Amino acid sequence: MPTSRRSLLIGSLGAAFLAAGCGGPDGAGTGSTTLRIGYQRFGGLSLAKARGDAPDAEWSLFESGPALTEALKAGAIDIGQTGEAPPIFAAAGRINFRIVGTSEPVPQGEAVLVKSAKGFRTFADLKGKTVALNKGSNVNWLLVKLLEQANLTIDDINVKYLKPAEGRPAFDADQVDAWIIWDPYFALAEQPGVQVLADATGLADNREYILAAPDAVTGKAELIRDFLTRYRATTDWGIANPEERARILAPELKIDEATTTRALARSAKPLAPITPEIGDELQTIADGFTELELIPGPVDIKERVDETFNQAFL
């Protein structure tokens, strides 16, 4: 796809920005007619990219939400999508952004994986064990809720913060006892001998959140509105046409079609407008992170909610 750009932020984030042709903090403003979109492998934006929803956009691929929010901080992208925890960690890190859209809940799309041979039956069985996850990602909130449900504290387990590219080999080699991960990494790891100990059902909504740079919200409003309208339509089309969606996305994701189909069946949900109630939901998560000292201090995440583009999701 000649009009697309991709940067894999698995190594140095700074090098990836350079490879993607990204500018500094002033680059996102009003002087450009190019929309710069950050997306994660498998997230709903992957389908929008594969279907050509924004053929003139610059696309940058990120391994996780925290890496994407760092790109917002650097002025490298105008808009992107993450899970529920990255915006909170980003706000705690004084990154400026607006939350302009969300999705229906996706609790089945993240899970705790263990090896069946180890005999774990509940999350409480992991007391004293090593649990891997990506710090600041949506699974960080799932960990908090799992600990709460099991009457454990974070000191009762050995937390090992690993990016997805690091977590899978550590899990495969039994260097960790459990891995908390999201799709499609979740689906890819579902091999013989791997057990889903728990997912987020009843614990975390695990919504998708669409974040935008403030100067892009004002300076590229029409570009964003037009793209979000097409993005919403493509998401609806994909849900209505799951087989064709998998055929389109599998090559884009470099994942086999069967795995893509399985992951999408539980993780692809309709987009939704941002509302004050969604802000309340995020604030509860932020307050929980503050109480556990996972972020340096209180965060007013509700004030980041921006309903400018809600009409695109209706």
Protein backbone atom coordinates (compact mmCIF):
# COMPACT_ATOMS: atom_id res chain seq x y z
CA MET A 1 0.00 0.00 0.00
CA PRO A 2 2.14 2.87 -1.30
CA THR A 3 0.32 5.68 0.50
CA SER A 4 0.67 4.06 3.92
CA ARG A 5 3.40 4.42 6.46
CA ARG A 6 4.19 1.95 9.17
CA SER A 7 6.59 2.07 12.08
CA LEU A 8 6.96 -0.81 14.48
CA LEU A 9 7.67 0.61 17.91
CA ILE A 10 9.15 -2.55 19.32
CA GLY A 11 12.65 -1.13 19.62
CA SER A 12 13.56 2.46 20.23
CA LEU A 13 10.55 4.76 20.11
CA GLY A 14 12.72 7.61 18.95
CA ALA A 15 14.09 5.56 16.05
CA ALA A 16 10.59 4.53 15.10
CA PHE A 17 9.46 8.15 14.93
CA LEU A 18 12.38 8.85 12.62
CA ALA A 19 11.52 5.88 10.42
CA ALA A 20 7.90 7.00 10.19
CA GLY A 21 8.92 10.48 9.08
CA CYS A 22 7.42 11.99 12.21
CA GLY A 23 8.00 15.56 13.29
CA GLY A 24 8.21 17.25 16.65
CA PRO A 25 5.44 18.50 18.94
CA ASP A 26 4.55 21.35 16.59
CA GLY A 27 3.98 19.07 13.61
CA ALA A 28 0.39 18.10 14.35
CA GLY A 29 -1.11 21.53 13.91
CA THR A 30 -3.16 23.38 11.41
CA GLY A 31 -0.76 23.71 8.50
CA SER A 32 -1.13 20.19 7.06
CA THR A 33 -3.95 18.53 5.16
CA THR A 34 -2.62 15.05 5.91
CA LEU A 35 -4.20 13.09 8.74
CA ARG A 36 -1.63 11.08 10.69
CA ILE A 37 -3.17 7.99 12.25
CA GLY A 38 -1.62 5.75 14.90
CA TYR A 39 -3.00 2.25 15.12
CA GLN A 40 -2.31 -1.04 16.84
CA ARG A 41 -2.15 -4.43 15.21
CA PHE A 42 -5.67 -5.92 15.14
CA GLY A 43 -7.41 -2.86 16.60
CA GLY A 44 -10.40 -1.60 14.65
CA LEU A 45 -8.21 0.87 12.80
CA SER A 46 -6.38 -2.03 11.14
CA LEU A 47 -9.54 -2.84 9.19
CA ALA A 48 -10.03 0.81 8.26
CA LYS A 49 -6.48 0.89 6.95
CA ALA A 50 -6.85 -2.38 5.04
CA ARG A 51 -10.06 -1.16 3.37
CA GLY A 52 -8.54 2.17 2.34
CA ASP A 53 -10.70 4.41 4.53
CA ALA A 54 -7.98 7.07 4.53
CA PRO A 55 -5.80 6.50 1.45
CA ASP A 56 -4.05 9.85 1.81
CA ALA A 57 -3.31 9.45 5.52
CA GLU A 58 0.03 8.62 7.08
CA TRP A 59 -0.33 5.41 9.10
CA SER A 60 2.02 4.41 11.93
CA LEU A 61 1.84 1.00 13.62
CA PHE A 62 2.42 0.71 17.38
CA GLU A 63 2.88 -2.39 19.48
CA SER A 64 0.88 -1.05 22.42
CA GLY A 65 -1.20 1.85 23.72
CA PRO A 66 1.57 3.40 25.82
CA ALA A 67 3.82 3.62 22.76
CA LEU A 68 0.99 5.29 20.84
CA THR A 69 0.41 7.89 23.54
CA GLU A 70 4.13 8.69 23.50
CA ALA A 71 3.70 9.43 19.80
CA LEU A 72 0.91 11.87 20.67
CA LYS A 73 3.27 13.51 23.15
CA ALA A 74 5.94 13.85 20.46
CA GLY A 75 3.49 15.41 17.99
CA ALA A 76 3.99 12.42 15.69
CA ILE A 77 0.34 11.53 15.12
CA ASP A 78 -3.00 13.34 15.10
CA ILE A 79 -5.29 10.51 16.14
CA GLY A 80 -5.03 6.94 17.39
CA GLN A 81 -6.70 4.15 19.31
CA THR A 82 -5.83 2.49 22.63
CA GLY A 83 -7.42 0.52 25.45
CA GLU A 84 -8.74 2.03 28.67
CA ALA A 85 -5.58 2.32 30.76
CA PRO A 86 -3.13 4.06 28.38
CA PRO A 87 -5.03 7.38 28.38
CA ILE A 88 -4.82 7.46 32.17
CA PHE A 89 -1.11 6.73 32.33
CA ALA A 90 -0.61 9.28 29.56
CA ALA A 91 -2.56 11.94 31.46
CA ALA A 92 -0.51 11.16 34.56
CA GLY A 93 2.56 11.73 32.40
CA ARG A 94 1.21 15.16 31.37
CA ILE A 95 0.60 14.17 27.76
CA ASN A 96 -1.99 16.44 26.17
CA PHE A 97 -4.82 14.77 24.23
CA ARG A 98 -8.59 14.58 23.90
CA ILE A 99 -10.75 11.45 24.10
CA VAL A 100 -13.08 11.71 21.10
CA GLY A 101 -14.65 8.25 20.74
CA THR A 102 -15.01 4.81 22.25
CA SER A 103 -16.49 1.37 21.59
CA GLU A 104 -18.90 -1.02 23.18
CA PRO A 105 -17.26 -3.14 25.95
CA VAL A 106 -14.82 -5.89 24.87
CA PRO A 107 -14.26 -7.93 28.08
CA GLN A 108 -13.54 -11.19 26.27
CA GLY A 109 -10.70 -9.59 24.34
CA GLU A 110 -8.14 -9.72 27.17
CA ALA A 111 -7.26 -12.65 29.38
CA VAL A 112 -4.90 -14.34 31.82
CA LEU A 113 -3.07 -17.22 30.14
CA VAL A 114 -1.36 -20.06 32.03
CA LYS A 115 0.08 -23.44 31.13
CA SER A 116 -2.47 -26.20 31.79
CA ALA A 117 0.21 -28.48 33.22
CA LYS A 118 0.82 -26.11 36.13
CA GLY A 119 -2.60 -26.82 37.58
CA PHE A 120 -3.77 -23.28 38.27
CA ARG A 121 -7.54 -23.08 38.62
CA THR A 122 -8.20 -19.50 39.76
CA PHE A 123 -6.27 -16.26 39.81
CA ALA A 124 -5.82 -16.71 43.56
CA ASP A 125 -3.61 -19.70 42.76
CA LEU A 126 -1.05 -17.27 41.35
CA LYS A 127 -0.16 -15.95 44.82
CA GLY A 128 3.62 -15.86 45.01
CA LYS A 129 3.92 -16.51 41.27
CA THR A 130 5.28 -14.37 38.42
CA VAL A 131 2.70 -12.59 36.26
CA ALA A 132 3.71 -10.75 33.09
CA LEU A 133 1.86 -7.85 31.47
CA ASN A 134 2.50 -4.64 29.55
CA LYS A 135 2.66 -1.74 31.98
CA GLY A 136 0.15 1.03 31.32
CA SER A 137 -1.94 -1.03 28.87
CA ASN A 138 -5.57 -2.08 29.27
CA VAL A 139 -4.46 -5.29 30.99
CA ASN A 140 -3.04 -3.19 33.84
CA TRP A 141 -6.59 -2.41 34.98
CA LEU A 142 -7.61 -6.04 34.55
CA LEU A 143 -4.79 -6.99 36.91
CA VAL A 144 -6.10 -4.56 39.51
CA LYS A 145 -9.60 -6.05 39.30
CA LEU A 146 -8.32 -9.64 39.36
CA LEU A 147 -6.33 -8.92 42.51
CA GLU A 148 -9.37 -7.31 44.09
CA GLN A 149 -11.58 -10.28 43.21
CA ALA A 150 -9.03 -12.77 44.61
CA ASN A 151 -8.51 -10.76 47.83
CA LEU A 152 -4.84 -10.29 46.96
CA THR A 153 -2.62 -7.22 46.77
CA ILE A 154 -0.06 -6.44 44.13
CA ASP A 155 2.62 -7.44 46.67
CA ASP A 156 1.20 -10.98 46.69
CA ILE A 157 2.47 -11.64 43.18
CA ASN A 158 5.68 -10.94 41.32
CA VAL A 159 4.75 -8.56 38.51
CA LYS A 160 7.02 -8.56 35.49
CA TYR A 161 6.34 -5.75 33.05
CA LEU A 162 6.96 -6.99 29.52
CA LYS A 163 5.91 -5.71 26.12
CA PRO A 164 3.92 -8.18 24.01
CA ALA A 165 6.97 -9.08 21.93
CA GLU A 166 8.79 -9.93 25.16
CA GLY A 167 5.86 -11.52 26.98
CA ARG A 168 5.19 -14.33 24.50
CA PRO A 169 8.71 -15.86 24.56
CA ALA A 170 8.86 -15.48 28.34
CA PHE A 171 5.52 -17.27 28.67
CA ASP A 172 6.46 -19.99 26.19
CA ALA A 173 9.75 -20.64 28.01
CA ASP A 174 8.06 -20.79 31.46
CA GLN A 175 9.99 -17.76 32.65
CA VAL A 176 6.65 -16.43 33.94
CA ASP A 177 3.72 -18.34 35.41
CA ALA A 178 0.98 -16.27 33.77
CA TRP A 179 0.65 -13.73 31.00
CA ILE A 180 -2.13 -11.11 30.91
CA ILE A 181 -2.60 -10.12 27.29
CA TRP A 182 -5.07 -8.87 24.68
CA ASP A 183 -6.06 -9.90 21.16
CA PRO A 184 -4.56 -10.72 18.73
CA TYR A 185 -1.57 -11.72 20.89
CA PHE A 186 -4.09 -13.57 23.07
CA ALA A 187 -5.42 -15.60 20.13
CA LEU A 188 -1.93 -16.30 18.80
CA ALA A 189 -0.88 -17.72 22.17
CA GLU A 190 -3.86 -20.10 22.36
CA GLN A 191 -1.83 -23.20 21.61
CA PRO A 192 -2.19 -26.77 22.95
CA GLY A 193 -1.38 -26.79 26.64
CA VAL A 194 -2.35 -23.12 27.14
CA GLN A 195 -5.33 -22.39 29.38
CA VAL A 196 -7.43 -19.24 29.70
CA LEU A 197 -7.50 -18.77 33.47
CA ALA A 198 -9.83 -15.75 33.32
CA ASP A 199 -10.89 -12.98 31.00
CA ALA A 200 -12.24 -9.53 31.88
CA THR A 201 -15.93 -10.51 31.94
CA GLY A 202 -17.54 -8.93 34.99
CA LEU A 203 -14.31 -7.13 35.87
CA ALA A 204 -13.35 -4.63 33.17
CA ASP A 205 -15.13 -3.24 30.12
CA ASN A 206 -11.91 -3.10 28.08
CA ARG A 207 -13.27 -0.52 25.65
CA GLU A 208 -11.39 0.94 22.73
CA TYR A 209 -10.70 4.67 23.06
CA ILE A 210 -9.96 7.08 20.23
CA LEU A 211 -7.52 9.82 21.23
CA ALA A 212 -6.68 12.96 19.30
CA ALA A 213 -4.11 15.71 19.64
CA PRO A 214 -5.83 18.96 20.77
CA ASP A 215 -4.45 20.99 17.88
CA ALA A 216 -5.67 18.35 15.43
CA VAL A 217 -9.16 18.53 16.97
CA THR A 218 -9.26 22.21 16.05
CA GLY A 219 -6.97 22.34 13.03
CA LYS A 220 -7.97 19.12 11.27
CA ALA A 221 -11.57 18.80 12.45
CA GLU A 222 -13.06 18.09 9.03
CA LEU A 223 -10.42 15.47 8.23
CA ILE A 224 -11.04 13.76 11.56
CA ARG A 225 -14.83 13.92 11.26
CA ASP A 226 -14.76 12.48 7.75
CA PHE A 227 -12.39 9.69 8.75
CA LEU A 228 -14.34 8.75 11.90
CA THR A 229 -17.56 8.54 9.89
CA ARG A 230 -15.92 6.09 7.49
CA TYR A 231 -14.25 4.23 10.35
CA ARG A 232 -17.60 3.71 12.07
CA ALA A 233 -19.19 2.47 8.81
CA THR A 234 -16.30 0.06 8.19
CA THR A 235 -16.55 -1.31 11.73
CA ASP A 236 -20.26 -1.94 11.26
CA TRP A 237 -19.58 -3.58 7.90
CA GLY A 238 -16.98 -5.88 9.45
CA ILE A 239 -19.32 -7.02 12.21
CA ALA A 240 -21.99 -7.79 9.61
CA ASN A 241 -19.51 -9.59 7.32
CA PRO A 242 -17.16 -11.57 9.59
CA GLU A 243 -15.80 -13.97 6.98
CA GLU A 244 -14.88 -11.25 4.51
CA ARG A 245 -13.49 -9.14 7.34
CA ALA A 246 -11.14 -11.97 8.32
CA ARG A 247 -10.01 -12.47 4.72
CA ILE A 248 -9.13 -8.77 4.45
CA LEU A 249 -7.47 -8.46 7.84
CA ALA A 250 -5.41 -11.66 7.97
CA PRO A 251 -2.82 -10.45 5.43
CA GLU A 252 -2.75 -6.97 7.00
CA LEU A 253 -2.10 -8.50 10.44
CA LYS A 254 0.23 -11.20 9.12
CA ILE A 255 -1.87 -13.72 11.06
CA ASP A 256 -3.52 -16.82 9.67
CA GLU A 257 -7.21 -16.50 8.83
CA ALA A 258 -8.43 -19.00 11.45
CA THR A 259 -6.70 -17.13 14.29
CA THR A 260 -7.92 -13.80 12.96
CA THR A 261 -11.50 -15.11 12.82
CA ARG A 262 -11.35 -16.44 16.39
CA ALA A 263 -9.95 -13.21 17.80
CA LEU A 264 -12.39 -10.99 15.91
CA ALA A 265 -15.37 -13.06 17.03
CA ARG A 266 -14.82 -11.94 20.62
CA SER A 267 -13.01 -8.62 20.22
CA ALA A 268 -14.61 -6.66 17.37
CA LYS A 269 -17.35 -4.40 18.77
CA PRO A 270 -19.28 -1.39 17.45
CA LEU A 271 -17.89 2.09 17.96
CA ALA A 272 -19.77 4.49 20.22
CA PRO A 273 -19.86 8.23 20.97
CA ILE A 274 -18.03 9.55 23.99
CA THR A 275 -20.31 10.60 26.87
CA PRO A 276 -20.00 11.95 30.42
CA GLU A 277 -20.83 8.44 31.65
CA ILE A 278 -17.81 7.10 29.79
CA GLY A 279 -15.81 9.83 31.47
CA ASP A 280 -17.07 8.62 34.84
CA GLU A 281 -16.02 5.07 33.95
CA LEU A 282 -12.52 6.21 33.09
CA GLN A 283 -12.33 8.36 36.21
CA THR A 284 -13.06 5.30 38.36
CA ILE A 285 -10.11 3.53 36.75
CA ALA A 286 -7.87 6.57 37.21
CA ASP A 287 -8.83 6.84 40.87
CA GLY A 288 -8.08 3.14 41.34
CA PHE A 289 -4.62 3.56 39.83
CA THR A 290 -4.00 6.58 42.05
CA GLU A 291 -5.04 4.69 45.19
CA LEU A 292 -2.66 1.85 44.35
CA GLU A 293 0.12 4.35 43.54
CA LEU A 294 0.43 2.99 40.02
CA ILE A 295 0.43 6.59 38.79
CA PRO A 296 2.18 9.47 40.57
CA GLY A 297 -0.93 11.38 41.62
CA PRO A 298 -4.61 12.15 40.95
CA VAL A 299 -5.67 12.54 37.33
CA ASP A 300 -8.78 14.33 36.08
CA ILE A 301 -9.40 12.12 33.06
CA LYS A 302 -13.02 13.28 32.74
CA GLU A 303 -11.87 16.70 31.58
CA ARG A 304 -10.23 15.04 28.55
CA VAL A 305 -13.60 13.83 27.22
CA ASP A 306 -14.49 15.71 24.01
CA GLU A 307 -17.86 15.25 22.26
CA THR A 308 -16.87 17.23 19.14
CA PHE A 309 -17.10 14.22 16.82
CA ASN A 310 -19.98 12.31 18.40
CA GLN A 311 -22.16 12.71 15.31
CA ALA A 312 -19.73 10.48 13.38
CA PHE A 313 -20.63 7.54 15.61
CA LEU A 314 -24.40 7.81 15.32
